[in-house]
């Protein structure tokens, strides 16, 4: 793993549909070289899940994010997590942090006690409600839109010819409907990374909790992701970086901790997770059938 791999990570998190040729132009390689790197990371589980999904409001649901702190565990209890009916995804970070997103029907659901038993103590009394983002409404989507959504969730990076055939439309029509969904901000990607799956440079994550006096330009540093991920509540930024050793990574942590406006720094290493792909597909199918009936009916 090296700086170019991290550059590929950051761009795929921003846009899961980026072609290898487009990535190649930005990281200074050929399309073939990027494709080989990406496939290697997928095969080894570094790029564990692209996790593409409609935004909650498209499904008539609400997005709730919650963080849990507990004992560090080598594996997630996937069967037990799968029993939580509204669970969309879990991102695991070492040591002992899990970031959870749920898509419940109600806007203010209580904490699910099963998640507390499985993942540890929730941070905060309740989860953070994520605001609606999509400019499209469910009633504005056609049957073809829903078919396209299903195939995008099923295999985000499959060739357009394959996805279009499954959606029973031409590749041109598929691209057109996908472009409309993207323009309406109806899609999101819960990328799941596992940076413990491959040897190479030391990779690490840092969560910086900051206040209004923090200068955002301070994280524009070498060997950090070129796309820091900011949050508003709580105010902070998640950074992914690399170093020649974990001693050097520790030096970066101390440097960031000393910056004005930094309230705290927590080192976190992305270590896999869970994405409920089949559940999301079932939600899409339920919405489509509620609006248009089963295929061939009527």
C-alpha atoms as a PDB file:
ATOM      1  CA  UNK A   1       0.000   0.000   0.000  1.00  0.00           C
ATOM      2  CA  UNK A   2       1.353   3.405  -0.885  1.00  0.00           C
ATOM      3  CA  UNK A   3       0.392   7.016  -1.556  1.00  0.00           C
ATOM      4  CA  UNK A   4      -1.166   6.165  -4.906  1.00  0.00           C
ATOM      5  CA  UNK A   5      -3.429   3.565  -3.254  1.00  0.00           C
ATOM      6  CA  UNK A   6      -4.577   6.196  -0.761  1.00  0.00           C
ATOM      7  CA  UNK A   7      -5.300   8.583  -3.636  1.00  0.00           C
ATOM      8  CA  UNK A   8      -7.467   5.916  -5.260  1.00  0.00           C
ATOM      9  CA  UNK A   9      -9.286   5.383  -1.925  1.00  0.00           C
ATOM     10  CA  UNK A  10     -10.139   9.038  -1.531  1.00  0.00           C
ATOM     11  CA  UNK A  11     -11.525   9.431  -5.023  1.00  0.00           C
ATOM     12  CA  UNK A  12     -13.624   6.274  -4.874  1.00  0.00           C
ATOM     13  CA  UNK A  13     -15.125   7.380  -1.552  1.00  0.00           C
ATOM     14  CA  UNK A  14     -16.173  10.626  -3.225  1.00  0.00           C
ATOM     15  CA  UNK A  15     -17.491   8.881  -6.342  1.00  0.00           C
ATOM     16  CA  UNK A  16     -17.843   5.089  -6.501  1.00  0.00           C
ATOM     17  CA  UNK A  17     -18.474   5.279 -10.275  1.00  0.00           C
ATOM     18  CA  UNK A  18     -15.133   6.834 -11.168  1.00  0.00           C
ATOM     19  CA  UNK A  19     -13.640   4.967 -14.088  1.00  0.00           C
ATOM     20  CA  UNK A  20     -10.131   3.575 -13.868  1.00  0.00           C
ATOM     21  CA  UNK A  21      -9.115   5.911 -16.695  1.00  0.00           C
ATOM     22  CA  UNK A  22     -10.420   8.944 -14.796  1.00  0.00           C
ATOM     23  CA  UNK A  23      -8.604   7.830 -11.641  1.00  0.00           C
ATOM     24  CA  UNK A  24      -5.446   7.236 -13.654  1.00  0.00           C
ATOM     25  CA  UNK A  25      -5.345  10.832 -14.918  1.00  0.00           C
ATOM     26  CA  UNK A  26      -5.394  12.136 -11.331  1.00  0.00           C
ATOM     27  CA  UNK A  27      -2.921   9.726  -9.732  1.00  0.00           C
ATOM     28  CA  UNK A  28      -0.451   9.685 -12.618  1.00  0.00           C
ATOM     29  CA  UNK A  29      -0.798   6.080 -13.835  1.00  0.00           C
ATOM     30  CA  UNK A  30      -2.321   4.283 -16.791  1.00  0.00           C
ATOM     31  CA  UNK A  31      -5.880   2.996 -16.633  1.00  0.00           C
ATOM     32  CA  UNK A  32      -4.582  -0.584 -16.675  1.00  0.00           C
ATOM     33  CA  UNK A  33      -2.269   0.089 -13.717  1.00  0.00           C
ATOM     34  CA  UNK A  34      -5.108   1.615 -11.673  1.00  0.00           C
ATOM     35  CA  UNK A  35      -7.377  -1.312 -12.545  1.00  0.00           C
ATOM     36  CA  UNK A  36      -4.754  -3.801 -11.337  1.00  0.00           C
ATOM     37  CA  UNK A  37      -4.284  -1.890  -8.071  1.00  0.00           C
ATOM     38  CA  UNK A  38      -8.026  -1.602  -7.458  1.00  0.00           C
ATOM     39  CA  UNK A  39      -8.671  -5.278  -8.172  1.00  0.00           C
ATOM     40  CA  UNK A  40      -5.794  -6.286  -5.914  1.00  0.00           C
ATOM     41  CA  UNK A  41      -7.216  -4.224  -3.053  1.00  0.00           C
ATOM     42  CA  UNK A  42     -10.702  -5.630  -3.647  1.00  0.00           C
ATOM     43  CA  UNK A  43      -9.413  -9.226  -3.740  1.00  0.00           C
ATOM     44  CA  UNK A  44      -7.469  -8.745  -0.506  1.00  0.00           C
ATOM     45  CA  UNK A  45     -10.403  -7.098   1.274  1.00  0.00           C
ATOM     46  CA  UNK A  46      -8.815  -3.660   1.596  1.00  0.00           C
ATOM     47  CA  UNK A  47     -11.670  -2.181  -0.425  1.00  0.00           C
ATOM     48  CA  UNK A  48     -14.174  -4.351   1.423  1.00  0.00           C
ATOM     49  CA  UNK A  49     -17.452  -2.758   0.263  1.00  0.00           C
ATOM     50  CA  UNK A  50     -18.515   0.061  -2.032  1.00  0.00           C
ATOM     51  CA  UNK A  51     -21.865   0.070  -0.199  1.00  0.00           C
ATOM     52  CA  UNK A  52     -23.831   2.154  -2.699  1.00  0.00           C
ATOM     53  CA  UNK A  53     -27.408   2.938  -1.605  1.00  0.00           C
ATOM     54  CA  UNK A  54     -30.275   5.408  -2.083  1.00  0.00           C
ATOM     55  CA  UNK A  55     -30.526   8.139   0.502  1.00  0.00           C
ATOM     56  CA  UNK A  56     -32.967   7.407   3.298  1.00  0.00           C
ATOM     57  CA  UNK A  57     -35.614   9.896   2.123  1.00  0.00           C
ATOM     58  CA  UNK A  58     -35.858   8.118  -1.238  1.00  0.00           C
ATOM     59  CA  UNK A  59     -36.933   5.011   0.682  1.00  0.00           C
ATOM     60  CA  UNK A  60     -39.374   6.883   2.908  1.00  0.00           C
ATOM     61  CA  UNK A  61     -37.005   6.487   5.851  1.00  0.00           C
ATOM     62  CA  UNK A  62     -34.771   8.566   8.119  1.00  0.00           C
ATOM     63  CA  UNK A  63     -30.990   8.329   8.430  1.00  0.00           C
ATOM     64  CA  UNK A  64     -29.629   7.981  11.969  1.00  0.00           C
ATOM     65  CA  UNK A  65     -25.894   7.813  12.753  1.00  0.00           C
ATOM     66  CA  UNK A  66     -24.530   6.556  16.061  1.00  0.00           C
ATOM     67  CA  UNK A  67     -21.111   5.726  17.452  1.00  0.00           C
ATOM     68  CA  UNK A  68     -20.386   2.890  19.883  1.00  0.00           C
ATOM     69  CA  UNK A  69     -17.272   2.351  22.005  1.00  0.00           C
ATOM     70  CA  UNK A  70     -16.461  -1.063  23.383  1.00  0.00           C
ATOM     71  CA  UNK A  71     -13.842  -3.791  23.608  1.00  0.00           C
ATOM     72  CA  UNK A  72     -11.797  -4.264  20.472  1.00  0.00           C
ATOM     73  CA  UNK A  73     -12.943  -7.450  18.750  1.00  0.00           C
ATOM     74  CA  UNK A  74     -11.412  -9.248  15.748  1.00  0.00           C
ATOM     75  CA  UNK A  75     -14.693  -9.850  13.907  1.00  0.00           C
ATOM     76  CA  UNK A  76     -18.178  -8.385  13.738  1.00  0.00           C
ATOM     77  CA  UNK A  77     -21.114 -10.604  14.794  1.00  0.00           C
ATOM     78  CA  UNK A  78     -22.704 -10.466  11.346  1.00  0.00           C
ATOM     79  CA  UNK A  79     -25.638 -12.782  12.043  1.00  0.00           C
ATOM     80  CA  UNK A  80     -26.706 -10.800  15.104  1.00  0.00           C
ATOM     81  CA  UNK A  81     -26.256  -7.451  13.346  1.00  0.00           C
ATOM     82  CA  UNK A  82     -28.348  -8.712  10.450  1.00  0.00           C
ATOM     83  CA  UNK A  83     -31.266  -9.178  12.856  1.00  0.00           C
ATOM     84  CA  UNK A  84     -31.465  -5.393  13.461  1.00  0.00           C
ATOM     85  CA  UNK A  85     -34.173  -4.657  10.897  1.00  0.00           C
ATOM     86  CA  UNK A  86     -33.309  -1.045  10.047  1.00  0.00           C
ATOM     87  CA  UNK A  87     -29.507  -1.377  10.087  1.00  0.00           C
ATOM     88  CA  UNK A  88     -27.811  -0.093   6.921  1.00  0.00           C
ATOM     89  CA  UNK A  89     -24.114  -0.391   7.742  1.00  0.00           C
ATOM     90  CA  UNK A  90     -21.467  -0.638  10.434  1.00  0.00           C
ATOM     91  CA  UNK A  91     -17.946   0.675  10.012  1.00  0.00           C
ATOM     92  CA  UNK A  92     -15.381  -0.824  12.371  1.00  0.00           C
ATOM     93  CA  UNK A  93     -12.357   1.140  13.541  1.00  0.00           C
ATOM     94  CA  UNK A  94      -9.587  -0.061  15.791  1.00  0.00           C
ATOM     95  CA  UNK A  95      -9.372   0.370  18.673  1.00  0.00           C
ATOM     96  CA  UNK A  96     -12.941  -0.336  19.731  1.00  0.00           C
ATOM     97  CA  UNK A  97     -15.046   2.184  17.770  1.00  0.00           C
ATOM     98  CA  UNK A  98     -18.007   1.368  15.544  1.00  0.00           C
ATOM     99  CA  UNK A  99     -19.893   3.878  13.410  1.00  0.00           C
ATOM    100  CA  UNK A 100     -23.443   2.742  12.693  1.00  0.00           C
ATOM    101  CA  UNK A 101     -26.065   4.045  10.243  1.00  0.00           C
ATOM    102  CA  UNK A 102     -29.714   3.004  10.552  1.00  0.00           C
ATOM    103  CA  UNK A 103     -32.642   3.744   8.220  1.00  0.00           C
ATOM    104  CA  UNK A 104     -35.705   3.579  10.512  1.00  0.00           C
ATOM    105  CA  UNK A 105     -39.229   4.522   9.498  1.00  0.00           C
ATOM    106  CA  UNK A 106     -39.680   6.870  12.468  1.00  0.00           C
ATOM    107  CA  UNK A 107     -37.623  10.099  12.753  1.00  0.00           C
ATOM    108  CA  UNK A 108     -36.498   9.678  16.380  1.00  0.00           C
ATOM    109  CA  UNK A 109     -36.068   5.977  17.128  1.00  0.00           C
ATOM    110  CA  UNK A 110     -34.670   4.827  20.470  1.00  0.00           C
ATOM    111  CA  UNK A 111     -31.267   3.213  20.641  1.00  0.00           C
ATOM    112  CA  UNK A 112     -31.581  -0.449  19.740  1.00  0.00           C
ATOM    113  CA  UNK A 113     -30.381  -2.418  22.805  1.00  0.00           C
ATOM    114  CA  UNK A 114     -29.075  -5.188  20.550  1.00  0.00           C
ATOM    115  CA  UNK A 115     -26.500  -2.789  19.103  1.00  0.00           C
ATOM    116  CA  UNK A 116     -25.360  -1.801  22.579  1.00  0.00           C
ATOM    117  CA  UNK A 117     -24.920  -5.448  23.560  1.00  0.00           C
ATOM    118  CA  UNK A 118     -22.978  -6.215  20.393  1.00  0.00           C
ATOM    119  CA  UNK A 119     -20.869  -3.081  19.925  1.00  0.00           C
ATOM    120  CA  UNK A 120     -20.506  -1.384  23.303  1.00  0.00           C
ATOM    121  CA  UNK A 121     -21.557   1.855  24.923  1.00  0.00           C
ATOM    122  CA  UNK A 122     -23.294   4.411  22.655  1.00  0.00           C
ATOM    123  CA  UNK A 123     -21.700   7.858  22.584  1.00  0.00           C
ATOM    124  CA  UNK A 124     -24.535  10.251  23.373  1.00  0.00           C
ATOM    125  CA  UNK A 125     -28.086   9.586  24.495  1.00  0.00           C
ATOM    126  CA  UNK A 126     -29.357   9.102  20.953  1.00  0.00           C
ATOM    127  CA  UNK A 127     -28.019   9.021  17.423  1.00  0.00           C
ATOM    128  CA  UNK A 128     -27.505  12.003  15.155  1.00  0.00           C
ATOM    129  CA  UNK A 129     -30.290  12.486  12.635  1.00  0.00           C
ATOM    130  CA  UNK A 130     -28.722  13.063   9.213  1.00  0.00           C
ATOM    131  CA  UNK A 131     -30.516  15.763   7.199  1.00  0.00           C
ATOM    132  CA  UNK A 132     -32.281  14.939   3.905  1.00  0.00           C
ATOM    133  CA  UNK A 133     -30.104  15.802   0.918  1.00  0.00           C
ATOM    134  CA  UNK A 134     -31.835  14.482  -2.191  1.00  0.00           C
ATOM    135  CA  UNK A 135     -33.731  16.998  -4.318  1.00  0.00           C
ATOM    136  CA  UNK A 136     -35.721  14.111  -5.816  1.00  0.00           C
ATOM    137  CA  UNK A 137     -38.832  12.728  -4.146  1.00  0.00           C
ATOM    138  CA  UNK A 138     -39.823   9.036  -4.217  1.00  0.00           C
ATOM    139  CA  UNK A 139     -42.984   9.854  -6.183  1.00  0.00           C
ATOM    140  CA  UNK A 140     -40.837  11.476  -8.885  1.00  0.00           C
ATOM    141  CA  UNK A 141     -39.046   8.214  -9.665  1.00  0.00           C
ATOM    142  CA  UNK A 142     -40.240   6.029 -12.529  1.00  0.00           C
ATOM    143  CA  UNK A 143     -40.226   2.246 -12.556  1.00  0.00           C
ATOM    144  CA  UNK A 144     -37.029   2.419 -14.612  1.00  0.00           C
ATOM    145  CA  UNK A 145     -35.434   4.674 -11.971  1.00  0.00           C
ATOM    146  CA  UNK A 146     -36.171   2.048  -9.323  1.00  0.00           C
ATOM    147  CA  UNK A 147     -34.786  -0.707 -11.559  1.00  0.00           C
ATOM    148  CA  UNK A 148     -31.610   1.315 -12.076  1.00  0.00           C
ATOM    149  CA  UNK A 149     -31.316   1.903  -8.322  1.00  0.00           C
ATOM    150  CA  UNK A 150     -31.542  -1.820  -7.667  1.00  0.00           C
ATOM    151  CA  UNK A 151     -28.772  -2.663 -10.112  1.00  0.00           C
ATOM    152  CA  UNK A 152     -26.522   0.126  -8.850  1.00  0.00           C
ATOM    153  CA  UNK A 153     -26.828  -1.216  -5.310  1.00  0.00           C
ATOM    154  CA  UNK A 154     -26.296  -4.809  -6.457  1.00  0.00           C
ATOM    155  CA  UNK A 155     -23.039  -4.164  -8.332  1.00  0.00           C
ATOM    156  CA  UNK A 156     -21.885  -0.515  -8.374  1.00  0.00           C
ATOM    157  CA  UNK A 157     -18.827  -1.071 -10.545  1.00  0.00           C
ATOM    158  CA  UNK A 158     -20.145  -3.731 -12.918  1.00  0.00           C
ATOM    159  CA  UNK A 159     -19.985  -2.815 -16.629  1.00  0.00           C
ATOM    160  CA  UNK A 160     -22.900  -0.706 -17.836  1.00  0.00           C
ATOM    161  CA  UNK A 161     -23.812  -3.398 -20.341  1.00  0.00           C
ATOM    162  CA  UNK A 162     -24.325  -5.882 -17.486  1.00  0.00           C
ATOM    163  CA  UNK A 163     -26.303  -3.515 -15.262  1.00  0.00           C
ATOM    164  CA  UNK A 164     -28.444  -2.332 -18.165  1.00  0.00           C
ATOM    165  CA  UNK A 165     -29.286  -5.878 -19.233  1.00  0.00           C
ATOM    166  CA  UNK A 166     -30.427  -6.739 -15.699  1.00  0.00           C
ATOM    167  CA  UNK A 167     -32.518  -3.542 -15.562  1.00  0.00           C
ATOM    168  CA  UNK A 168     -33.989  -4.453 -18.983  1.00  0.00           C
ATOM    169  CA  UNK A 169     -32.990  -1.160 -20.620  1.00  0.00           C
ATOM    170  CA  UNK A 170     -30.278  -0.043 -23.037  1.00  0.00           C
ATOM    171  CA  UNK A 171     -26.901   1.053 -21.693  1.00  0.00           C
ATOM    172  CA  UNK A 172     -27.641   4.585 -22.882  1.00  0.00           C
ATOM    173  CA  UNK A 173     -30.956   4.656 -21.001  1.00  0.00           C
ATOM    174  CA  UNK A 174     -29.278   3.254 -17.886  1.00  0.00           C
ATOM    175  CA  UNK A 175     -26.617   5.973 -17.962  1.00  0.00           C
ATOM    176  CA  UNK A 176     -29.271   8.651 -18.421  1.00  0.00           C
ATOM    177  CA  UNK A 177     -31.278   7.520 -15.407  1.00  0.00           C
ATOM    178  CA  UNK A 178     -28.151   7.109 -13.292  1.00  0.00           C
ATOM    179  CA  UNK A 179     -27.074  10.648 -14.220  1.00  0.00           C
ATOM    180  CA  UNK A 180     -30.499  11.957 -13.121  1.00  0.00           C
ATOM    181  CA  UNK A 181     -30.229  10.153  -9.772  1.00  0.00           C
ATOM    182  CA  UNK A 182     -26.716  11.508  -9.232  1.00  0.00           C
ATOM    183  CA  UNK A 183     -27.744  15.061 -10.181  1.00  0.00           C
ATOM    184  CA  UNK A 184     -30.613  14.833  -7.679  1.00  0.00           C
ATOM    185  CA  UNK A 185     -28.211  13.639  -4.932  1.00  0.00           C
ATOM    186  CA  UNK A 186     -30.342  10.511  -4.512  1.00  0.00           C
ATOM    187  CA  UNK A 187     -27.304   8.214  -4.101  1.00  0.00           C
ATOM    188  CA  UNK A 188     -24.789   7.790  -1.308  1.00  0.00           C
ATOM    189  CA  UNK A 189     -21.840   5.466  -0.781  1.00  0.00           C
ATOM    190  CA  UNK A 190     -20.865   3.892   2.536  1.00  0.00           C
ATOM    191  CA  UNK A 191     -17.357   2.825   1.576  1.00  0.00           C
ATOM    192  CA  UNK A 192     -15.944   0.223   3.960  1.00  0.00           C
ATOM    193  CA  UNK A 193     -12.163  -0.081   4.156  1.00  0.00           C
ATOM    194  CA  UNK A 194      -9.986  -2.567   5.994  1.00  0.00           C
ATOM    195  CA  UNK A 195      -6.482  -1.161   6.141  1.00  0.00           C
ATOM    196  CA  UNK A 196      -5.202  -4.130   8.132  1.00  0.00           C
ATOM    197  CA  UNK A 197      -5.527  -6.398   5.102  1.00  0.00           C
ATOM    198  CA  UNK A 198      -2.409  -5.347   3.247  1.00  0.00           C
ATOM    199  CA  UNK A 199       1.199  -4.703   4.140  1.00  0.00           C
ATOM    200  CA  UNK A 200       2.969  -1.546   3.086  1.00  0.00           C
ATOM    201  CA  UNK A 201       3.364   1.920   4.471  1.00  0.00           C
ATOM    202  CA  UNK A 202       1.803   2.537   7.879  1.00  0.00           C
ATOM    203  CA  UNK A 203      -1.758   3.685   7.363  1.00  0.00           C
ATOM    204  CA  UNK A 204      -3.801   5.357  10.046  1.00  0.00           C
ATOM    205  CA  UNK A 205      -6.927   7.359  10.674  1.00  0.00           C
ATOM    206  CA  UNK A 206      -7.254  10.380  12.935  1.00  0.00           C
ATOM    207  CA  UNK A 207     -10.463  11.938  14.204  1.00  0.00           C
ATOM    208  CA  UNK A 208      -9.963  15.619  15.147  1.00  0.00           C
ATOM    209  CA  UNK A 209     -12.645  17.285  17.228  1.00  0.00           C
ATOM    210  CA  UNK A 210     -12.313  21.046  16.672  1.00  0.00           C
ATOM    211  CA  UNK A 211     -13.971  24.356  17.476  1.00  0.00           C
ATOM    212  CA  UNK A 212     -14.698  27.413  15.357  1.00  0.00           C
ATOM    213  CA  UNK A 213     -11.164  28.783  15.772  1.00  0.00           C
ATOM    214  CA  UNK A 214      -9.617  25.828  13.930  1.00  0.00           C
ATOM    215  CA  UNK A 215      -8.022  26.751  10.600  1.00  0.00           C
ATOM    216  CA  UNK A 216      -9.106  24.151   8.041  1.00  0.00           C
ATOM    217  CA  UNK A 217      -5.988  24.830   5.991  1.00  0.00           C
ATOM    218  CA  UNK A 218      -3.987  23.196   8.770  1.00  0.00           C
ATOM    219  CA  UNK A 219      -4.953  19.715   7.558  1.00  0.00           C
ATOM    220  CA  UNK A 220      -3.694  20.375   4.037  1.00  0.00           C
ATOM    221  CA  UNK A 221      -0.522  18.525   4.911  1.00  0.00           C
ATOM    222  CA  UNK A 222       1.635  16.078   2.960  1.00  0.00           C
ATOM    223  CA  UNK A 223       0.905  12.395   3.512  1.00  0.00           C
ATOM    224  CA  UNK A 224      -2.693  13.067   4.521  1.00  0.00           C
ATOM    225  CA  UNK A 225      -5.749  12.388   2.410  1.00  0.00           C
ATOM    226  CA  UNK A 226      -6.337  15.148  -0.101  1.00  0.00           C
ATOM    227  CA  UNK A 227     -10.074  15.029   0.739  1.00  0.00           C
ATOM    228  CA  UNK A 228     -10.573  15.403   4.506  1.00  0.00           C
ATOM    229  CA  UNK A 229     -14.047  14.334   5.662  1.00  0.00           C
ATOM    230  CA  UNK A 230     -15.681  17.069   7.746  1.00  0.00           C
ATOM    231  CA  UNK A 231     -18.627  16.751  10.117  1.00  0.00           C
ATOM    232  CA  UNK A 232     -20.711  19.525  11.662  1.00  0.00           C
ATOM    233  CA  UNK A 233     -22.236  17.855  14.730  1.00  0.00           C
ATOM    234  CA  UNK A 234     -19.876  17.310  16.417  1.00  0.00           C
ATOM    235  CA  UNK A 235     -17.577  19.666  14.545  1.00  0.00           C
ATOM    236  CA  UNK A 236     -14.541  17.798  13.379  1.00  0.00           C
ATOM    237  CA  UNK A 237     -12.643  16.097  10.583  1.00  0.00           C
ATOM    238  CA  UNK A 238     -11.628  12.514   9.836  1.00  0.00           C
ATOM    239  CA  UNK A 239      -8.227  12.146   8.189  1.00  0.00           C
ATOM    240  CA  UNK A 240      -6.526   9.158   6.628  1.00  0.00           C
ATOM    241  CA  UNK A 241      -2.774   9.271   6.290  1.00  0.00           C
ATOM    242  CA  UNK A 242       0.287   7.174   5.729  1.00  0.00           C
ATOM    243  CA  UNK A 243       3.798   7.109   7.098  1.00  0.00           C
ATOM    244  CA  UNK A 244       6.938   5.037   6.818  1.00  0.00           C
ATOM    245  CA  UNK A 245       6.371   3.752  10.359  1.00  0.00           C
ATOM    246  CA  UNK A 246       3.870   4.025  13.166  1.00  0.00           C
ATOM    247  CA  UNK A 247       6.402   6.136  15.070  1.00  0.00           C
ATOM    248  CA  UNK A 248       6.136   8.688  12.266  1.00  0.00           C
ATOM    249  CA  UNK A 249       2.334   8.389  12.411  1.00  0.00           C
ATOM    250  CA  UNK A 250       2.490   9.127  16.146  1.00  0.00           C
ATOM    251  CA  UNK A 251       4.544  12.238  15.399  1.00  0.00           C
ATOM    252  CA  UNK A 252       1.805  13.424  13.023  1.00  0.00           C
ATOM    253  CA  UNK A 253      -0.823  12.806  15.711  1.00  0.00           C
ATOM    254  CA  UNK A 254       1.111  14.924  18.225  1.00  0.00           C
ATOM    255  CA  UNK A 255       1.611  17.668  15.656  1.00  0.00           C
ATOM    256  CA  UNK A 256      -2.111  17.859  14.928  1.00  0.00           C
ATOM    257  CA  UNK A 257      -2.992  17.703  18.632  1.00  0.00           C
ATOM    258  CA  UNK A 258      -0.968  20.888  19.222  1.00  0.00           C
ATOM    259  CA  UNK A 259      -2.820  22.960  16.605  1.00  0.00           C
ATOM    260  CA  UNK A 260      -5.016  25.859  17.812  1.00  0.00           C
ATOM    261  CA  UNK A 261      -8.691  24.941  17.898  1.00  0.00           C
ATOM    262  CA  UNK A 262      -8.153  21.175  18.261  1.00  0.00           C
ATOM    263  CA  UNK A 263     -10.139  19.834  21.224  1.00  0.00           C
ATOM    264  CA  UNK A 264      -9.071  16.220  20.888  1.00  0.00           C
ATOM    265  CA  UNK A 265      -7.432  13.672  18.596  1.00  0.00           C
ATOM    266  CA  UNK A 266      -8.407  10.008  18.463  1.00  0.00           C
ATOM    267  CA  UNK A 267      -6.333   7.595  16.348  1.00  0.00           C
ATOM    268  CA  UNK A 268      -8.564   5.172  14.448  1.00  0.00           C
ATOM    269  CA  UNK A 269      -7.687   2.529  11.862  1.00  0.00           C
ATOM    270  CA  UNK A 270     -10.453   1.446   9.443  1.00  0.00           C
ATOM    271  CA  UNK A 271     -10.823  -2.298   9.966  1.00  0.00           C
ATOM    272  CA  UNK A 272     -13.784  -3.465   7.913  1.00  0.00           C
ATOM    273  CA  UNK A 273     -17.488  -3.490   8.596  1.00  0.00           C
ATOM    274  CA  UNK A 274     -20.898  -4.629   7.436  1.00  0.00           C
ATOM    275  CA  UNK A 275     -23.200  -3.356   4.685  1.00  0.00           C
ATOM    276  CA  UNK A 276     -26.749  -4.721   4.350  1.00  0.00           C
ATOM    277  CA  UNK A 277     -26.800  -4.930   0.542  1.00  0.00           C
ATOM    278  CA  UNK A 278     -29.605  -7.481   0.218  1.00  0.00           C
ATOM    279  CA  UNK A 279     -31.716  -5.561   2.728  1.00  0.00           C
ATOM    280  CA  UNK A 280     -31.335  -2.333   0.724  1.00  0.00           C
ATOM    281  CA  UNK A 281     -32.378  -4.189  -2.429  1.00  0.00           C
ATOM    282  CA  UNK A 282     -35.470  -5.488  -0.609  1.00  0.00           C
ATOM    283  CA  UNK A 283     -36.336  -1.917   0.460  1.00  0.00           C
ATOM    284  CA  UNK A 284     -36.042  -0.741  -3.156  1.00  0.00           C
ATOM    285  CA  UNK A 285     -38.236  -3.564  -4.404  1.00  0.00           C
ATOM    286  CA  UNK A 286     -40.867  -2.862  -1.740  1.00  0.00           C
ATOM    287  CA  UNK A 287     -41.044   0.826  -2.707  1.00  0.00           C
ATOM    288  CA  UNK A 288     -41.210   0.013  -6.421  1.00  0.00           C
ATOM    289  CA  UNK A 289     -43.966  -2.554  -5.974  1.00  0.00           C
ATOM    290  CA  UNK A 290     -45.948  -0.248  -3.673  1.00  0.00           C
ATOM    291  CA  UNK A 291     -45.960   2.390  -6.436  1.00  0.00           C
ATOM    292  CA  UNK A 292     -46.153   0.323  -9.618  1.00  0.00           C
ATOM    293  CA  UNK A 293     -47.142  -3.211  -8.597  1.00  0.00           C
ATOM    294  CA  UNK A 294     -45.211  -6.350  -9.399  1.00  0.00           C
ATOM    295  CA  UNK A 295     -43.654  -6.601 -12.890  1.00  0.00           C
ATOM    296  CA  UNK A 296     -46.276  -7.770 -15.363  1.00  0.00           C
ATOM    297  CA  UNK A 297     -49.204  -7.025 -13.038  1.00  0.00           C
ATOM    298  CA  UNK A 298     -52.089  -4.788 -14.136  1.00  0.00           C
END
